[in-house]
Amino acid sequence: MRVETTRTAGAVRLRHAVGFSASAADVVTLAAPSVAAARGRDEPVALAVRPATERALAAVPAAAGLPAALTGRNGAGTVPLSRPQGPDHSGQTLAARWARELRTLTRGRAGVTVIVEHDPDLDGLDGGFWTELDAALNVALADIPATLLCLYPQLPLHLEVADGARHNHPLVLVDGALRHNAEHRGAREVLTDRGGVPAPAVLGPPDQVMGFDTWQLVEVRDTVARAARAAGCDADRVADLVLAVNEVATNAVEHGNGDAHLAVWTAPGTRELLCEVHDGGRLVDPLPGLHAPHPSDPRGRGLWIARQLCDLLHVWGDDAGTHVRIRALR
């Protein structure tokens, strides 16, 4: 896979707004004017909404002929964006995936309008998925000319959902207009104040564990390659995964405290591989690798590259250090 390693720095082009709905019908009422305005500008529209909402928006006269949705259905003039994958879905991973796909969608276009609807099935134990996702979108989509309207219920099940929505969005939908949100705070500040990015689901015992230092990175690569081949991955996928884990492992020995470990879970023949890299270093940035570094910056490309190559890459920190989970689902 060809991976872009740098991006020229520029002004923030993302317009990230939140609206609060009283009901499912209200979601359609709030979203329809943005959809109609985008179509009037001949601008693609993408949806990350529940199927019932998608059907209702398509039935609105001003929105008839709506382009493809983020839910995975194809349509004219756009590329469908991804849904969360796997039981350990990650907001930062989804943000990185949407950024890649929206860049493709906006190539040669002035912009894109994206409608996102809160889905309680993704809340997790405390609703933290949505706080992580919105914070990560602010970083990953910063240079994309997108108007992103996120619609949340006025009374969600978890207070975290409402708090995160209020703090993560620079704009708020009020009386049909996007206005400055006085409650907005920086993405990294929001996550740091809530204790950082949440850890993913706990896994069972790994099939392999090895400690490593700088001189043993070749053994890390060999271990991942053997495990990926045993899982049934083809040669190109094996190469991608070896590169991704190598970038993460290199970061671990360069920035950690010298106590780095690799854990590998395999399911032979499934074409699925899961790895974790752990080190004792402190995670300073809760959202690393979501935006390519400037060409003049000699460092910081490792996690960016790894995110482009994996189906899931989730970074979190705790008292024990910094941890990265890498999953290949195909």
Protein backbone atom coordinates (compact mmCIF):
# COMPACT_ATOMS: atom_id res chain seq x y z
CA MET A 1 0.00 0.00 0.00
CA ARG A 2 1.25 3.49 -0.85
CA VAL A 3 1.12 5.69 2.25
CA GLU A 4 1.27 9.47 2.27
CA THR A 5 3.77 10.40 4.97
CA THR A 6 3.45 14.19 5.13
CA ARG A 7 0.89 16.89 4.55
CA THR A 8 1.43 20.61 4.11
CA ALA A 9 0.16 22.54 7.11
CA GLY A 10 -2.74 24.91 6.51
CA ALA A 11 -5.68 26.64 8.10
CA VAL A 12 -8.43 24.61 9.74
CA ARG A 13 -11.09 24.00 7.08
CA LEU A 14 -13.42 21.75 9.05
CA ARG A 15 -16.71 23.23 10.26
CA HIS A 16 -17.75 20.91 13.08
CA ALA A 17 -21.18 21.61 14.56
CA VAL A 18 -23.54 19.99 17.05
CA GLY A 19 -27.32 20.04 17.18
CA PHE A 20 -29.58 18.63 19.87
CA SER A 21 -32.75 16.77 18.92
CA ALA A 22 -35.87 16.03 20.94
CA SER A 23 -36.86 12.94 18.94
CA ALA A 24 -36.04 10.80 15.92
CA ALA A 25 -38.34 12.98 13.81
CA ASP A 26 -36.50 16.05 15.06
CA VAL A 27 -33.21 14.63 13.71
CA VAL A 28 -34.68 14.74 10.21
CA THR A 29 -36.04 18.26 10.75
CA LEU A 30 -32.63 19.52 11.89
CA ALA A 31 -30.62 17.76 9.17
CA ALA A 32 -32.84 18.39 6.12
CA PRO A 33 -31.88 22.09 5.57
CA SER A 34 -28.16 21.24 5.56
CA VAL A 35 -28.74 18.42 3.09
CA ALA A 36 -30.84 20.63 0.81
CA ALA A 37 -28.27 23.45 0.96
CA ALA A 38 -25.46 21.06 0.03
CA ARG A 39 -27.43 19.72 -2.93
CA GLY A 40 -28.09 23.28 -4.03
CA ARG A 41 -24.31 23.84 -4.14
CA ASP A 42 -23.87 20.55 -6.04
CA GLU A 43 -21.89 19.34 -3.02
CA PRO A 44 -21.76 15.67 -2.02
CA VAL A 45 -23.59 14.61 1.11
CA ALA A 46 -22.55 11.72 3.33
CA LEU A 47 -24.61 10.19 6.13
CA ALA A 48 -23.61 8.39 9.29
CA VAL A 49 -27.16 7.86 10.50
CA ARG A 50 -29.50 5.04 11.37
CA PRO A 51 -31.38 3.43 8.45
CA ALA A 52 -34.73 4.95 9.47
CA THR A 53 -33.21 8.43 9.45
CA GLU A 54 -31.64 7.83 6.05
CA ARG A 55 -34.98 6.76 4.61
CA ALA A 56 -36.73 9.78 6.11
CA LEU A 57 -34.13 12.21 4.75
CA ALA A 58 -34.41 10.66 1.30
CA ALA A 59 -38.17 11.28 1.44
CA VAL A 60 -37.83 14.99 2.21
CA PRO A 61 -38.66 16.85 -1.05
CA ALA A 62 -35.62 19.12 -0.87
CA ALA A 63 -33.38 16.10 -0.27
CA ALA A 64 -34.77 13.75 -2.91
CA GLY A 65 -32.05 11.86 -4.75
CA LEU A 66 -29.68 11.99 -1.79
CA PRO A 67 -26.18 10.63 -2.59
CA ALA A 68 -24.50 7.66 -0.89
CA ALA A 69 -24.49 7.16 2.85
CA LEU A 70 -21.85 6.38 5.42
CA THR A 71 -23.89 3.32 6.31
CA GLY A 72 -22.36 1.49 3.37
CA ARG A 73 -24.88 1.85 0.56
CA ASN A 74 -23.50 3.08 -2.73
CA GLY A 75 -24.90 5.98 -4.70
CA ALA A 76 -24.03 8.61 -7.28
CA GLY A 77 -21.16 11.00 -6.81
CA THR A 78 -19.72 9.88 -3.49
CA VAL A 79 -17.85 7.16 -1.63
CA PRO A 80 -19.50 5.50 1.39
CA LEU A 81 -17.60 5.90 4.65
CA SER A 82 -17.05 3.20 7.23
CA ARG A 83 -19.01 2.01 10.20
CA PRO A 84 -17.34 0.92 13.46
CA GLN A 85 -15.87 -2.56 13.10
CA GLY A 86 -15.37 -5.29 15.67
CA PRO A 87 -16.23 -5.48 19.35
CA ASP A 88 -13.35 -3.13 20.25
CA HIS A 89 -14.41 -0.32 17.88
CA SER A 90 -12.47 2.87 18.45
CA GLY A 91 -13.39 6.52 17.94
CA GLN A 92 -9.86 7.47 16.91
CA THR A 93 -9.74 4.62 14.39
CA LEU A 94 -13.07 5.61 12.87
CA ALA A 95 -11.95 9.25 12.64
CA ALA A 96 -8.78 8.22 10.78
CA ARG A 97 -10.82 6.06 8.40
CA TRP A 98 -13.35 8.81 7.70
CA ALA A 99 -10.51 11.27 7.06
CA ARG A 100 -9.05 9.01 4.38
CA GLU A 101 -12.41 8.52 2.70
CA LEU A 102 -13.49 12.16 2.89
CA ARG A 103 -10.23 13.25 1.28
CA THR A 104 -11.08 10.99 -1.64
CA LEU A 105 -14.63 12.32 -1.74
CA THR A 106 -13.56 16.00 -1.75
CA ARG A 107 -10.81 15.64 -4.35
CA GLY A 108 -11.58 18.23 -7.01
CA ARG A 109 -14.60 19.54 -5.07
CA ALA A 110 -15.20 22.61 -2.95
CA GLY A 111 -16.46 20.66 0.03
CA VAL A 112 -18.68 17.97 1.51
CA THR A 113 -21.55 17.97 4.00
CA VAL A 114 -21.63 15.14 6.53
CA ILE A 115 -24.53 14.33 8.86
CA VAL A 116 -23.79 12.15 11.90
CA GLU A 117 -26.51 10.81 14.19
CA HIS A 118 -25.87 9.55 17.70
CA ASP A 119 -26.38 5.80 17.97
CA PRO A 120 -26.86 4.56 21.57
CA ASP A 121 -25.68 1.09 20.54
CA LEU A 122 -22.16 2.53 20.33
CA ASP A 123 -22.20 4.28 23.72
CA GLY A 124 -20.29 1.59 25.57
CA LEU A 125 -20.31 1.65 29.36
CA ASP A 126 -20.32 5.42 29.77
CA GLY A 127 -20.79 7.07 26.38
CA GLY A 128 -17.09 7.82 26.06
CA PHE A 129 -16.94 6.53 22.48
CA TRP A 130 -18.63 9.68 21.23
CA THR A 131 -16.35 12.04 23.15
CA GLU A 132 -13.34 10.23 21.71
CA LEU A 133 -14.79 10.22 18.18
CA ASP A 134 -15.65 13.93 18.10
CA ALA A 135 -12.29 14.93 19.59
CA ALA A 136 -10.49 12.74 17.07
CA LEU A 137 -12.53 14.17 14.18
CA ASN A 138 -11.40 17.67 15.14
CA VAL A 139 -7.79 16.56 14.64
CA ALA A 140 -8.09 14.10 11.74
CA LEU A 141 -10.44 16.22 9.58
CA ALA A 142 -8.95 19.65 10.36
CA ASP A 143 -7.64 20.26 6.82
CA ILE A 144 -10.67 18.85 4.99
CA PRO A 145 -13.30 21.28 3.59
CA ALA A 146 -16.18 19.54 5.35
CA THR A 147 -19.26 20.79 7.16
CA LEU A 148 -19.90 18.12 9.77
CA LEU A 149 -23.20 18.28 11.65
CA CYS A 150 -23.46 15.87 14.60
CA LEU A 151 -26.95 15.38 16.03
CA TYR A 152 -27.30 14.25 19.63
CA PRO A 153 -30.37 13.69 21.81
CA GLN A 154 -31.18 16.39 24.32
CA LEU A 155 -31.42 13.71 27.03
CA PRO A 156 -28.98 10.87 26.27
CA LEU A 157 -28.67 7.83 28.48
CA HIS A 158 -25.16 8.84 29.59
CA LEU A 159 -24.29 12.33 30.80
CA GLU A 160 -20.86 11.88 29.17
CA VAL A 161 -22.50 11.93 25.73
CA ALA A 162 -24.07 15.35 26.30
CA ASP A 163 -20.99 16.83 27.99
CA GLY A 164 -18.65 15.61 25.26
CA ALA A 165 -20.97 16.93 22.55
CA ARG A 166 -21.10 20.39 24.10
CA HIS A 167 -17.32 20.65 24.54
CA ASN A 168 -16.07 19.06 21.29
CA HIS A 169 -17.89 21.18 18.71
CA PRO A 170 -16.74 24.70 17.74
CA LEU A 171 -20.19 25.41 16.27
CA VAL A 172 -23.72 24.79 17.52
CA LEU A 173 -26.96 24.63 15.54
CA VAL A 174 -29.40 27.25 16.91
CA ASP A 175 -32.67 28.14 15.17
CA GLY A 176 -31.41 26.66 11.90
CA ALA A 177 -28.10 28.58 11.88
CA LEU A 178 -24.57 27.52 12.86
CA ARG A 179 -23.28 29.76 15.62
CA HIS A 180 -20.15 29.97 17.75
CA ASN A 181 -20.24 27.51 20.65
CA ALA A 182 -19.04 29.24 23.81
CA GLU A 183 -18.61 25.84 25.53
CA HIS A 184 -16.14 24.51 22.97
CA ARG A 185 -12.70 23.39 24.19
CA GLY A 186 -9.68 21.89 22.47
CA ALA A 187 -9.87 18.20 21.55
CA ARG A 188 -6.84 17.16 23.58
CA GLU A 189 -8.00 19.22 26.56
CA VAL A 190 -11.39 17.49 26.51
CA LEU A 191 -9.82 14.02 26.54
CA THR A 192 -7.18 14.88 29.11
CA ASP A 193 -9.80 16.25 31.50
CA ARG A 194 -11.84 13.04 31.24
CA GLY A 195 -8.77 10.94 32.08
CA GLY A 196 -7.56 10.27 28.54
CA VAL A 197 -8.74 7.90 25.85
CA PRO A 198 -10.58 4.84 27.22
CA ALA A 199 -8.90 1.45 27.05
CA PRO A 200 -10.46 -1.10 24.68
CA ALA A 201 -12.10 -4.33 25.81
CA VAL A 202 -9.87 -6.66 27.80
CA LEU A 203 -8.70 -9.70 25.85
CA GLY A 204 -7.85 -13.21 26.90
CA PRO A 205 -4.27 -14.48 27.24
CA PRO A 206 -2.19 -13.81 24.09
CA ASP A 207 -0.76 -16.61 21.98
CA GLN A 208 2.71 -15.03 22.03
CA VAL A 209 4.47 -12.48 24.23
CA MET A 210 7.97 -11.11 23.80
CA GLY A 211 9.97 -8.31 25.31
CA PHE A 212 12.15 -6.31 22.97
CA ASP A 213 14.59 -3.44 22.66
CA THR A 214 16.05 -1.55 19.70
CA TRP A 215 18.28 -4.47 18.74
CA GLN A 216 15.37 -6.91 18.66
CA LEU A 217 13.07 -5.07 16.25
CA VAL A 218 13.95 -7.59 13.55
CA GLU A 219 12.58 -10.32 15.84
CA VAL A 220 9.39 -8.29 16.30
CA ARG A 221 8.96 -8.07 12.53
CA ASP A 222 9.62 -11.80 12.08
CA THR A 223 7.11 -12.68 14.81
CA VAL A 224 4.37 -10.56 13.24
CA ALA A 225 5.09 -11.90 9.75
CA ARG A 226 4.82 -15.52 10.90
CA ALA A 227 1.60 -14.83 12.82
CA ALA A 228 0.03 -12.97 9.88
CA ARG A 229 0.88 -15.77 7.46
CA ALA A 230 -0.54 -18.33 9.92
CA ALA A 231 -3.76 -16.28 10.06
CA GLY A 232 -4.07 -16.59 6.28
CA CYS A 233 -3.12 -13.03 5.29
CA ASP A 234 -1.78 -12.63 1.77
CA ALA A 235 1.72 -11.32 1.07
CA ASP A 236 0.68 -7.68 0.66
CA ARG A 237 -1.33 -7.72 3.88
CA VAL A 238 1.55 -9.36 5.74
CA ALA A 239 3.88 -6.60 4.53
CA ASP A 240 1.42 -3.89 5.65
CA LEU A 241 1.07 -5.39 9.12
CA VAL A 242 4.80 -5.88 9.59
CA LEU A 243 5.40 -2.24 8.65
CA ALA A 244 2.62 -1.00 10.96
CA VAL A 245 3.81 -2.97 13.99
CA ASN A 246 7.42 -2.04 13.28
CA GLU A 247 6.52 1.68 13.31
CA VAL A 248 4.69 1.31 16.62
CA ALA A 249 7.44 -0.85 18.16
CA THR A 250 10.11 1.63 17.05
CA ASN A 251 8.17 4.41 18.80
CA ALA A 252 8.00 2.25 21.92
CA VAL A 253 11.76 1.78 22.20
CA GLU A 254 12.54 5.38 21.22
CA HIS A 255 10.08 7.11 23.53
CA GLY A 256 9.37 4.52 26.23
CA ASN A 257 11.37 3.62 29.30
CA GLY A 258 13.14 0.62 27.78
CA ASP A 259 10.51 -1.89 28.92
CA ALA A 260 8.66 -2.73 25.70
CA HIS A 261 6.54 -5.82 25.03
CA LEU A 262 4.69 -7.29 22.06
CA ALA A 263 1.60 -9.48 22.51
CA VAL A 264 0.02 -11.36 19.59
CA TRP A 265 -3.37 -13.06 19.28
CA THR A 266 -3.94 -15.30 16.26
CA ALA A 267 -6.79 -17.36 14.89
CA PRO A 268 -5.31 -19.54 12.12
CA GLY A 269 -7.15 -19.40 8.81
CA THR A 270 -9.36 -16.46 9.78
CA ARG A 271 -7.25 -13.75 8.10
CA GLU A 272 -7.50 -11.87 11.39
CA LEU A 273 -4.54 -10.79 13.51
CA LEU A 274 -4.39 -8.69 16.66
CA CYS A 275 -1.24 -7.27 18.23
CA GLU A 276 -0.54 -4.98 21.16
CA VAL A 277 2.64 -3.05 21.87
CA HIS A 278 3.20 -1.86 25.43
CA ASP A 279 5.90 0.37 26.90
CA GLY A 280 6.37 2.17 30.18
CA GLY A 281 6.53 5.67 28.72
CA ARG A 282 3.98 8.38 29.45
CA LEU A 283 1.46 9.21 26.72
CA VAL A 284 1.58 13.01 26.34
CA ASP A 285 -0.72 13.38 23.31
CA PRO A 286 -3.98 11.41 23.70
CA LEU A 287 -4.55 11.48 19.90
CA PRO A 288 -1.20 10.75 18.24
CA GLY A 289 -0.84 10.00 14.55
CA LEU A 290 -4.19 11.39 13.40
CA HIS A 291 -2.67 14.13 11.29
CA ALA A 292 0.39 13.76 9.08
CA PRO A 293 3.35 15.86 10.25
CA HIS A 294 4.59 18.80 8.25
CA PRO A 295 7.31 17.92 5.70
CA SER A 296 9.85 19.95 7.71
CA ASP A 297 9.23 17.85 10.82
CA PRO A 298 11.70 14.91 10.86
CA ARG A 299 9.68 12.94 13.41
CA GLY A 300 6.11 11.88 14.11
CA ARG A 301 5.34 9.78 11.03
CA GLY A 302 5.36 6.33 12.65
CA LEU A 303 1.84 6.23 14.08
CA TRP A 304 0.45 8.13 11.10
CA ILE A 305 1.81 5.46 8.77
CA ALA A 306 0.58 2.65 11.00
CA ARG A 307 -2.95 4.12 11.09
CA GLN A 308 -3.10 4.07 7.28
CA LEU A 309 -2.27 0.36 7.17
CA CYS A 310 -4.54 -1.12 9.86
CA ASP A 311 -8.23 -1.79 10.29
CA LEU A 312 -7.95 -0.69 13.91
CA LEU A 313 -5.20 1.19 15.72
CA HIS A 314 -6.12 2.36 19.19
CA VAL A 315 -3.71 4.22 21.47
CA TRP A 316 -4.30 4.70 25.17
CA GLY A 317 -2.29 5.43 28.29
CA ASP A 318 -2.55 4.55 31.97
CA ASP A 319 -0.34 4.34 35.06
CA ALA A 320 1.55 1.41 33.52
CA GLY A 321 2.54 3.32 30.37
CA THR A 322 1.45 3.62 26.75
CA HIS A 323 -0.39 0.91 24.85
CA VAL A 324 -1.29 0.42 21.18
CA ARG A 325 -3.73 -2.18 19.88
CA ILE A 326 -3.47 -3.09 16.18
CA ARG A 327 -6.07 -5.25 14.47
CA ALA A 328 -6.28 -6.60 10.94
CA LEU A 329 -9.76 -7.85 10.05
CA ARG A 330 -9.08 -8.99 6.51
